[in-house]
Each structure stands twice: as C-alpha cells, then as structure tokens.
Protein backbone atom coordinates (compact mmCIF):
# COMPACT_ATOMS: atom_id res chain seq x y z
CA MET A 1 -88.92 -102.53 -109.78
CA GLN A 2 -87.78 -106.08 -109.03
CA LYS A 3 -91.17 -107.40 -110.07
CA GLU A 4 -91.05 -105.44 -113.33
CA LEU A 5 -87.54 -106.73 -114.02
CA SER A 6 -88.63 -110.32 -113.40
CA GLU A 7 -91.65 -109.93 -115.70
CA LEU A 8 -89.51 -108.39 -118.43
CA THR A 9 -86.98 -111.23 -118.15
CA ILE A 10 -89.74 -113.79 -118.66
CA LEU A 11 -91.13 -111.92 -121.65
CA LEU A 12 -87.65 -111.62 -123.18
CA GLU A 13 -86.96 -115.33 -122.83
CA GLU A 14 -90.26 -116.09 -124.53
CA ALA A 15 -89.67 -113.52 -127.29
CA VAL A 16 -86.20 -114.83 -128.18
CA THR A 17 -87.71 -118.27 -128.75
CA GLU A 18 -91.00 -117.43 -130.45
CA LEU A 19 -90.50 -114.26 -132.48
CA GLN A 20 -89.23 -114.74 -136.02
CA THR A 21 -89.30 -111.71 -138.32
CA VAL A 22 -87.95 -108.17 -138.08
CA ASN A 23 -91.54 -106.98 -137.91
CA ASP A 24 -92.18 -109.37 -135.00
CA LEU A 25 -89.26 -107.86 -133.08
CA ILE A 26 -90.39 -104.29 -133.65
CA ARG A 27 -94.03 -105.00 -132.80
CA TRP A 28 -93.04 -106.81 -129.58
CA SER A 29 -90.73 -103.97 -128.61
CA VAL A 30 -93.45 -101.39 -129.15
CA SER A 31 -95.68 -103.31 -126.75
CA ARG A 32 -92.96 -103.36 -124.10
CA PHE A 33 -92.28 -99.64 -124.56
CA ASN A 34 -95.99 -98.89 -124.18
CA GLU A 35 -95.99 -100.82 -120.88
CA SER A 36 -92.92 -99.01 -119.58
CA ASP A 37 -92.31 -95.45 -118.39
CA ILE A 38 -89.65 -94.53 -120.93
CA TYR A 39 -89.67 -91.01 -122.32
CA LEU A 40 -89.50 -90.41 -126.08
CA GLY A 41 -88.02 -87.20 -127.41
CA HIS A 42 -84.40 -87.77 -128.37
CA GLY A 43 -84.82 -88.15 -132.09
CA THR A 44 -88.09 -90.07 -132.09
CA ASP A 45 -91.56 -89.21 -130.82
CA ASN A 46 -93.31 -92.58 -130.94
CA PRO A 47 -92.52 -96.13 -129.75
CA TRP A 48 -92.50 -97.65 -133.26
CA ASP A 49 -89.69 -95.40 -134.50
CA GLU A 50 -87.80 -95.87 -131.23
CA ALA A 51 -88.03 -99.65 -131.52
CA ALA A 52 -87.16 -99.61 -135.22
CA GLN A 53 -84.07 -97.50 -134.50
CA LEU A 54 -82.74 -100.06 -132.05
CA ILE A 55 -83.77 -103.20 -133.95
CA THR A 56 -82.38 -102.06 -137.32
CA TYR A 57 -79.10 -101.07 -135.68
CA ALA A 58 -78.77 -104.46 -133.96
CA LEU A 59 -79.47 -106.26 -137.24
CA SER A 60 -77.17 -104.00 -139.32
CA LEU A 61 -80.12 -102.93 -141.47
CA PRO A 62 -80.77 -99.49 -143.01
CA PRO A 63 -82.83 -97.15 -140.81
CA THR A 64 -85.68 -97.17 -143.34
CA MET A 65 -86.97 -100.53 -144.54
CA ASN A 66 -89.37 -101.91 -147.10
CA GLU A 67 -91.94 -104.63 -146.52
CA HIS A 68 -89.55 -107.37 -147.69
CA LEU A 69 -87.02 -106.54 -144.98
CA LEU A 70 -89.73 -106.27 -142.34
CA GLN A 71 -90.86 -109.81 -143.15
CA ALA A 72 -87.31 -111.22 -143.21
CA ARG A 73 -86.67 -113.97 -140.65
CA THR A 74 -84.02 -113.56 -137.98
CA THR A 75 -81.60 -115.95 -136.32
CA LEU A 76 -81.53 -116.75 -132.61
CA SER A 77 -78.35 -114.73 -132.04
CA GLU A 78 -79.80 -111.77 -133.92
CA ARG A 79 -82.91 -111.82 -131.77
CA LYS A 80 -80.82 -111.97 -128.59
CA ASN A 81 -78.76 -108.95 -129.67
CA ALA A 82 -81.76 -106.92 -130.79
CA LEU A 83 -83.90 -107.63 -127.75
CA GLY A 84 -80.91 -107.02 -125.49
CA LEU A 85 -80.91 -103.42 -126.72
CA ILE A 86 -84.64 -103.12 -126.03
CA GLU A 87 -84.03 -104.40 -122.50
CA GLN A 88 -81.27 -101.82 -121.95
CA ARG A 89 -83.50 -99.03 -123.23
CA ILE A 90 -86.23 -99.90 -120.73
CA LEU A 91 -84.02 -100.59 -117.72
CA THR A 92 -81.37 -97.86 -118.06
CA LYS A 93 -83.61 -95.13 -119.57
CA LYS A 94 -80.73 -94.22 -121.87
CA PRO A 95 -81.89 -92.59 -125.12
CA ALA A 96 -81.64 -94.99 -128.05
CA ALA A 97 -78.96 -92.84 -129.68
CA TYR A 98 -76.60 -93.48 -126.75
CA LEU A 99 -77.15 -97.22 -127.04
CA THR A 100 -76.42 -97.24 -130.77
CA GLN A 101 -74.02 -94.25 -130.74
CA VAL A 102 -75.72 -93.05 -133.92
CA SER A 103 -78.15 -90.18 -134.42
CA TYR A 104 -79.47 -88.74 -137.68
CA PHE A 105 -79.70 -84.97 -138.22
CA CYS A 106 -80.57 -83.37 -141.56
CA GLY A 107 -80.32 -86.87 -143.04
CA LEU A 108 -76.71 -87.31 -141.92
CA PRO A 109 -75.47 -89.98 -139.48
CA PHE A 110 -73.67 -88.56 -136.44
CA PHE A 111 -71.60 -90.38 -133.86
CA VAL A 112 -72.85 -89.49 -130.36
CA ASN A 113 -72.05 -90.47 -126.81
CA GLU A 114 -72.93 -89.10 -123.39
CA ASP A 115 -70.47 -86.22 -123.78
CA VAL A 116 -72.91 -84.47 -126.14
CA LEU A 117 -76.64 -83.89 -126.44
CA VAL A 118 -78.57 -86.10 -128.82
CA PRO A 119 -79.12 -83.99 -131.99
CA ARG A 120 -82.76 -82.90 -132.23
CA SER A 121 -82.82 -79.15 -132.79
CA PRO A 122 -85.55 -77.67 -135.02
CA ILE A 123 -82.74 -75.59 -136.51
CA GLY A 124 -82.22 -78.65 -138.71
CA GLU A 125 -85.33 -77.64 -140.65
CA LEU A 126 -83.83 -74.20 -141.30
CA ILE A 127 -80.62 -75.80 -142.57
CA THR A 128 -82.53 -78.17 -144.86
CA ASN A 129 -84.32 -75.13 -146.31
CA ASN A 130 -81.04 -73.16 -146.64
CA PHE A 131 -82.39 -70.56 -144.20
CA GLU A 132 -84.91 -69.50 -146.85
CA GLY A 133 -86.55 -66.17 -146.10
CA LEU A 134 -83.94 -65.32 -143.47
CA ILE A 135 -80.82 -64.60 -145.52
CA SER A 136 -80.55 -62.91 -148.90
CA ASN A 137 -76.96 -63.83 -149.74
CA THR A 138 -75.21 -67.18 -149.50
CA PRO A 139 -73.13 -67.13 -146.29
CA LEU A 140 -69.44 -67.84 -146.73
CA ARG A 141 -68.36 -67.57 -143.08
CA ILE A 142 -70.57 -69.31 -140.51
CA MET A 143 -70.22 -69.92 -136.78
CA ASP A 144 -71.92 -72.74 -134.90
CA LEU A 145 -71.73 -71.66 -131.27
CA CYS A 146 -72.08 -74.41 -128.62
CA THR A 147 -71.59 -77.02 -131.33
CA GLY A 148 -71.78 -80.19 -129.19
CA SER A 149 -71.65 -83.11 -131.62
CA GLY A 150 -71.00 -80.72 -134.49
CA CYS A 151 -74.31 -81.60 -136.13
CA ILE A 152 -75.38 -78.02 -136.94
CA ALA A 153 -71.93 -77.03 -138.21
CA ILE A 154 -71.57 -80.11 -140.41
CA ALA A 155 -75.12 -80.04 -141.76
CA THR A 156 -74.61 -76.36 -142.60
CA ALA A 157 -71.42 -77.27 -144.46
CA PHE A 158 -73.42 -79.65 -146.63
CA ALA A 159 -76.08 -76.99 -147.22
CA PHE A 160 -73.50 -74.37 -148.23
CA PRO A 161 -70.62 -76.11 -150.03
CA ASP A 162 -68.63 -72.89 -150.45
CA ALA A 163 -68.80 -71.88 -146.79
CA THR A 164 -66.32 -72.40 -143.98
CA ILE A 165 -67.72 -73.04 -140.53
CA ASP A 166 -66.15 -72.53 -137.12
CA ALA A 167 -67.62 -74.94 -134.55
CA LEU A 168 -67.19 -73.54 -131.03
CA ASP A 169 -67.68 -75.27 -127.69
CA ILE A 170 -66.31 -74.94 -124.16
CA SER A 171 -66.25 -78.72 -123.61
CA PRO A 172 -63.13 -80.60 -124.79
CA GLU A 173 -65.11 -83.84 -124.66
CA ALA A 174 -67.80 -82.43 -126.93
CA LEU A 175 -65.19 -81.07 -129.33
CA ALA A 176 -63.63 -84.53 -129.54
CA VAL A 177 -67.01 -85.90 -130.67
CA ALA A 178 -67.44 -83.02 -133.12
CA ASP A 179 -63.98 -83.66 -134.54
CA GLU A 180 -64.82 -87.34 -134.98
CA ASN A 181 -67.95 -86.41 -136.94
CA ILE A 182 -66.08 -83.83 -139.01
CA HIS A 183 -63.67 -86.52 -140.17
CA ARG A 184 -66.30 -89.23 -140.60
CA LEU A 185 -68.34 -86.95 -142.85
CA GLN A 186 -65.22 -85.64 -144.60
CA VAL A 187 -65.66 -81.90 -144.08
CA GLU A 188 -62.38 -81.31 -142.26
CA ASP A 189 -61.31 -78.83 -144.95
CA ARG A 190 -64.27 -76.53 -144.14
CA VAL A 191 -65.43 -77.19 -140.56
CA PHE A 192 -63.05 -76.27 -137.76
CA PRO A 193 -63.62 -77.19 -134.08
CA ILE A 194 -62.51 -74.45 -131.69
CA MET A 195 -62.47 -74.59 -127.90
CA SER A 196 -64.04 -71.37 -126.71
CA ASP A 197 -66.00 -69.93 -123.79
CA VAL A 198 -68.72 -68.31 -125.92
CA PHE A 199 -66.79 -65.87 -128.22
CA ALA A 200 -63.53 -65.74 -126.23
CA SER A 201 -61.39 -67.60 -128.79
CA VAL A 202 -62.57 -65.79 -131.94
CA GLU A 203 -61.78 -62.19 -131.05
CA GLY A 204 -61.66 -60.03 -134.16
CA LEU A 205 -63.36 -62.62 -136.40
CA LYS A 206 -66.63 -61.85 -138.17
CA TYR A 207 -69.26 -64.07 -139.74
CA ASP A 208 -72.16 -63.80 -142.14
CA LEU A 209 -74.25 -66.12 -140.00
CA ILE A 210 -74.03 -67.21 -136.38
CA VAL A 211 -76.19 -70.16 -135.35
CA SER A 212 -76.40 -71.33 -131.75
CA ASN A 213 -78.21 -74.01 -129.80
CA PRO A 214 -76.80 -73.11 -126.37
CA PRO A 215 -77.78 -74.56 -122.99
CA TYR A 216 -81.16 -73.00 -122.19
CA VAL A 217 -83.08 -75.17 -119.71
CA ASP A 218 -84.13 -73.26 -116.61
CA LEU A 219 -83.46 -74.60 -113.13
CA GLU A 220 -87.04 -75.71 -112.49
CA ASP A 221 -87.35 -77.61 -115.76
CA LEU A 222 -83.90 -79.15 -115.27
CA GLY A 223 -85.02 -80.78 -112.03
CA ASP A 224 -88.29 -82.01 -113.52
CA MET A 225 -86.84 -83.61 -116.65
CA PRO A 226 -87.41 -87.32 -117.33
CA GLU A 227 -84.57 -89.69 -116.50
CA GLU A 228 -83.47 -89.88 -120.15
CA PHE A 229 -82.25 -86.26 -120.02
CA HIS A 230 -80.02 -86.99 -117.04
CA HIS A 231 -77.85 -89.19 -119.27
CA GLU A 232 -77.01 -86.04 -121.24
CA PRO A 233 -74.25 -83.67 -120.06
CA GLU A 234 -75.73 -81.05 -117.73
CA ILE A 235 -73.34 -78.47 -119.16
CA GLY A 236 -75.26 -78.80 -122.43
CA LEU A 237 -78.68 -78.32 -120.83
CA GLY A 238 -78.83 -75.86 -117.94
CA SER A 239 -77.90 -72.17 -118.00
CA GLY A 240 -78.81 -70.48 -114.74
CA ASN A 241 -82.11 -69.98 -112.96
CA ASP A 242 -84.02 -68.90 -116.06
CA GLY A 243 -81.93 -70.76 -118.64
CA LEU A 244 -80.63 -67.59 -120.25
CA ASP A 245 -77.18 -66.98 -118.74
CA ILE A 246 -75.34 -67.87 -121.96
CA THR A 247 -78.00 -66.36 -124.22
CA ARG A 248 -77.51 -62.96 -122.55
CA ILE A 249 -73.78 -63.12 -123.33
CA ILE A 250 -74.55 -64.05 -126.92
CA LEU A 251 -76.94 -61.12 -127.32
CA LYS A 252 -74.42 -58.73 -125.80
CA GLN A 253 -71.41 -59.83 -127.85
CA ALA A 254 -72.72 -61.27 -131.13
CA ALA A 255 -72.89 -57.97 -133.05
CA ALA A 256 -69.11 -57.61 -132.80
CA HIS A 257 -68.74 -60.93 -134.61
CA LEU A 258 -71.27 -60.34 -137.40
CA GLU A 259 -70.68 -58.75 -140.78
CA ASP A 260 -72.83 -55.70 -141.54
CA ASN A 261 -75.64 -57.78 -143.04
CA GLY A 262 -75.07 -60.63 -140.61
CA LEU A 263 -77.76 -62.65 -138.84
CA LEU A 264 -77.89 -64.38 -135.46
CA ILE A 265 -80.11 -67.42 -134.93
CA VAL A 266 -80.48 -68.85 -131.42
CA GLU A 267 -82.58 -71.63 -129.90
CA VAL A 268 -83.87 -71.02 -126.37
CA GLY A 269 -86.76 -73.51 -126.24
CA ASN A 270 -89.24 -73.00 -123.42
CA SER A 271 -87.05 -70.22 -122.02
CA MET A 272 -88.42 -67.97 -124.76
CA ILE A 273 -91.00 -66.93 -122.15
CA HIS A 274 -88.27 -65.57 -119.88
CA LEU A 275 -86.51 -63.88 -122.82
CA GLN A 276 -89.66 -62.13 -124.01
CA ALA A 277 -90.44 -60.97 -120.48
CA GLU A 278 -86.96 -59.56 -119.93
CA PHE A 279 -86.57 -57.87 -123.32
CA PRO A 280 -90.07 -56.91 -124.52
CA GLU A 281 -88.68 -54.07 -126.68
CA VAL A 282 -86.35 -56.33 -128.67
CA PRO A 283 -87.80 -57.38 -132.06
CA PHE A 284 -86.98 -61.09 -131.86
CA ASN A 285 -88.19 -62.88 -134.99
CA TRP A 286 -89.64 -66.08 -133.53
CA LEU A 287 -89.51 -68.73 -136.22
CA GLU A 288 -92.18 -71.31 -137.03
CA PHE A 289 -91.49 -74.90 -138.04
CA GLU A 290 -93.50 -77.33 -140.14
CA ASN A 291 -92.02 -80.30 -138.27
CA GLY A 292 -92.54 -78.93 -134.76
CA GLY A 293 -90.38 -76.98 -132.39
CA ILE A 294 -90.50 -73.63 -130.63
CA GLY A 295 -88.19 -71.04 -129.13
CA VAL A 296 -85.85 -70.23 -132.03
CA PHE A 297 -85.33 -66.58 -132.87
CA ALA A 298 -83.49 -64.64 -135.56
CA ILE A 299 -82.14 -61.14 -135.10
CA THR A 300 -79.96 -58.98 -137.34
CA LYS A 301 -76.71 -57.30 -136.44
CA GLN A 302 -78.36 -53.89 -136.77
CA GLN A 303 -81.16 -54.87 -134.40
CA LEU A 304 -78.58 -56.06 -131.87
CA ILE A 305 -76.77 -52.75 -132.14
CA ASP A 306 -80.00 -50.77 -131.84
CA HIS A 307 -80.82 -52.50 -128.54
CA LYS A 308 -77.30 -53.01 -127.16
CA ASP A 309 -78.03 -50.93 -124.05
CA LEU A 310 -80.65 -53.48 -122.98
CA PHE A 311 -78.34 -56.49 -122.96
C-alpha cells in the first residue's frame, strides 16, 4: 500500500504540471482508475464516466460536455483540485457521489452524504416511463417506503404533478437528507418526509401506489461487498440472513395501505432468489429493464390479499 501511495504521489505531481485540458485530466484519471482496485457501481459503470463525474464537479462544469469544453485548458489550481478528488477516490474507496455530494437520479440532482445510499435503483426507469403497463390510472396518493435520500419520492412527484407523496424512513439522518432534497427541488408542497418503522406511522392511510427500495442485501453478500459499499449506511443495505426481513413485513402489511386497485412495487435485488424460493405460489411480476437491473417485482392489492396466509 505504501508503495502504491508513493507511486500515485509521483504521478500526481507530474500530472499537475504536464496535463493541460479537461480531456487530459479525464484520460489520465481513467488510466489511474484502471490501475487501481476501485469498484464502480454507484451511479457509473465505467472509469470514464466516474472520472468525468469528479473532474466536471471540481471544475464547476456541467455533467455532460461538448468537444469544446473537453479541449478547454485548465489552470494549475484547477488541476490540483480536480486531481485531488481523483486521489481521494482511489485512496479512500469512497463512491464519487460522496466526494461531490451530488448524485443524479431520473435526471435530477440530489444531495447525498454517507447517511443515505447513493441513488441507483432501476425503479428510476419505471418512474421515467410513468409506470407504463403497470398502472391504468394516474396515482394521486403515493408512498415511497424506505425513502433514503428521497430520490424515488421526488422523482415520482415530477412524473405525477398532481400527486402527493409520503416519503417514509426509520432513519432521522436519512430523513434530514430527504428533506434537504425536497426543499432544493421545490416539491415541499407535495412530498412529505415521515419518520416511520415500515408502516407504523401511517396507520389508516391508503395509497394508489406504494414503491419501496428497502434494505435487501443478505448476510453473505453484505460481508463480501467491495469497500465502496461499506461507506454506505448498513441500515440501508442489510436485512437479516436472507435480506428479506423488511420485505416480509411489507408483504404482510401493504394491502392494508393500498386502495382497491392499488399496486405495490418493491426492489429486492439478488435476494429475489430467496423470495421466490420462500413464496413459490405468489405471482410476483418480476419486471425487466432496458437499462439493466434485476429483482424488482410488482404485485396488486388483490394478489396480496389472496396470499395473505403465506406472509
């Protein structure tokens, strides 16, 4: 490790002096990422996008750039700031979003810190498509359960301008982040953060649509995760031995909080294997995504009622 740190220091000193353009900085950073053991998967899936995210943030540039900006020259202080972020990314293994405190979801910029997971759910694709093929009527009352940063709740508010959304989470720290995003994106009149242990704080309330990205990582996967994941709050990742402790509660109680034609959508990731094995009779509608992602199911209120004795 000491040798790697020394080599990186030498390369950084050289880069600050010799690199000139934005493109130079990104290309150099990609090379360093390829030489390192960082894990990509918190908003980006390749070293170029990861480097561009950090470099553009450091230079106060838009996240997408044209060729003119890529060829723009940089000052010495700009290069020091930008490459300092690259150094932190390699040495600390913190996801880029925690270094910049910005993460994009459904095209919207969200404030994030280590009190919440980095937004990356494939549910974003469903929101962008207005849940096409899953709902027949425009939902007016929506719940985002285990809201974290509030990204699903807020993105849903933009997708359905006439809807009100309750954003539930058990973590006061996460709700503080969600509240910050609610105000930054100016949806405080329609998105309401609520501290709640699953459905405990919304007794008697019903919704047209409940969406949840709860903790779902099983104990084995939790221990094997790359270092980047250990910067995220464990309360937002793990949920018992098979990752389904909270999901079982959701399945058991969700019907009581859905309108008659209501729909429940839940992400369980790789733990879908455990869910299918435990409830083979339940007609989970496993959704497919054009942009990648697995382990998201939809189930109607009536289907939940029909199989309530199993949960």
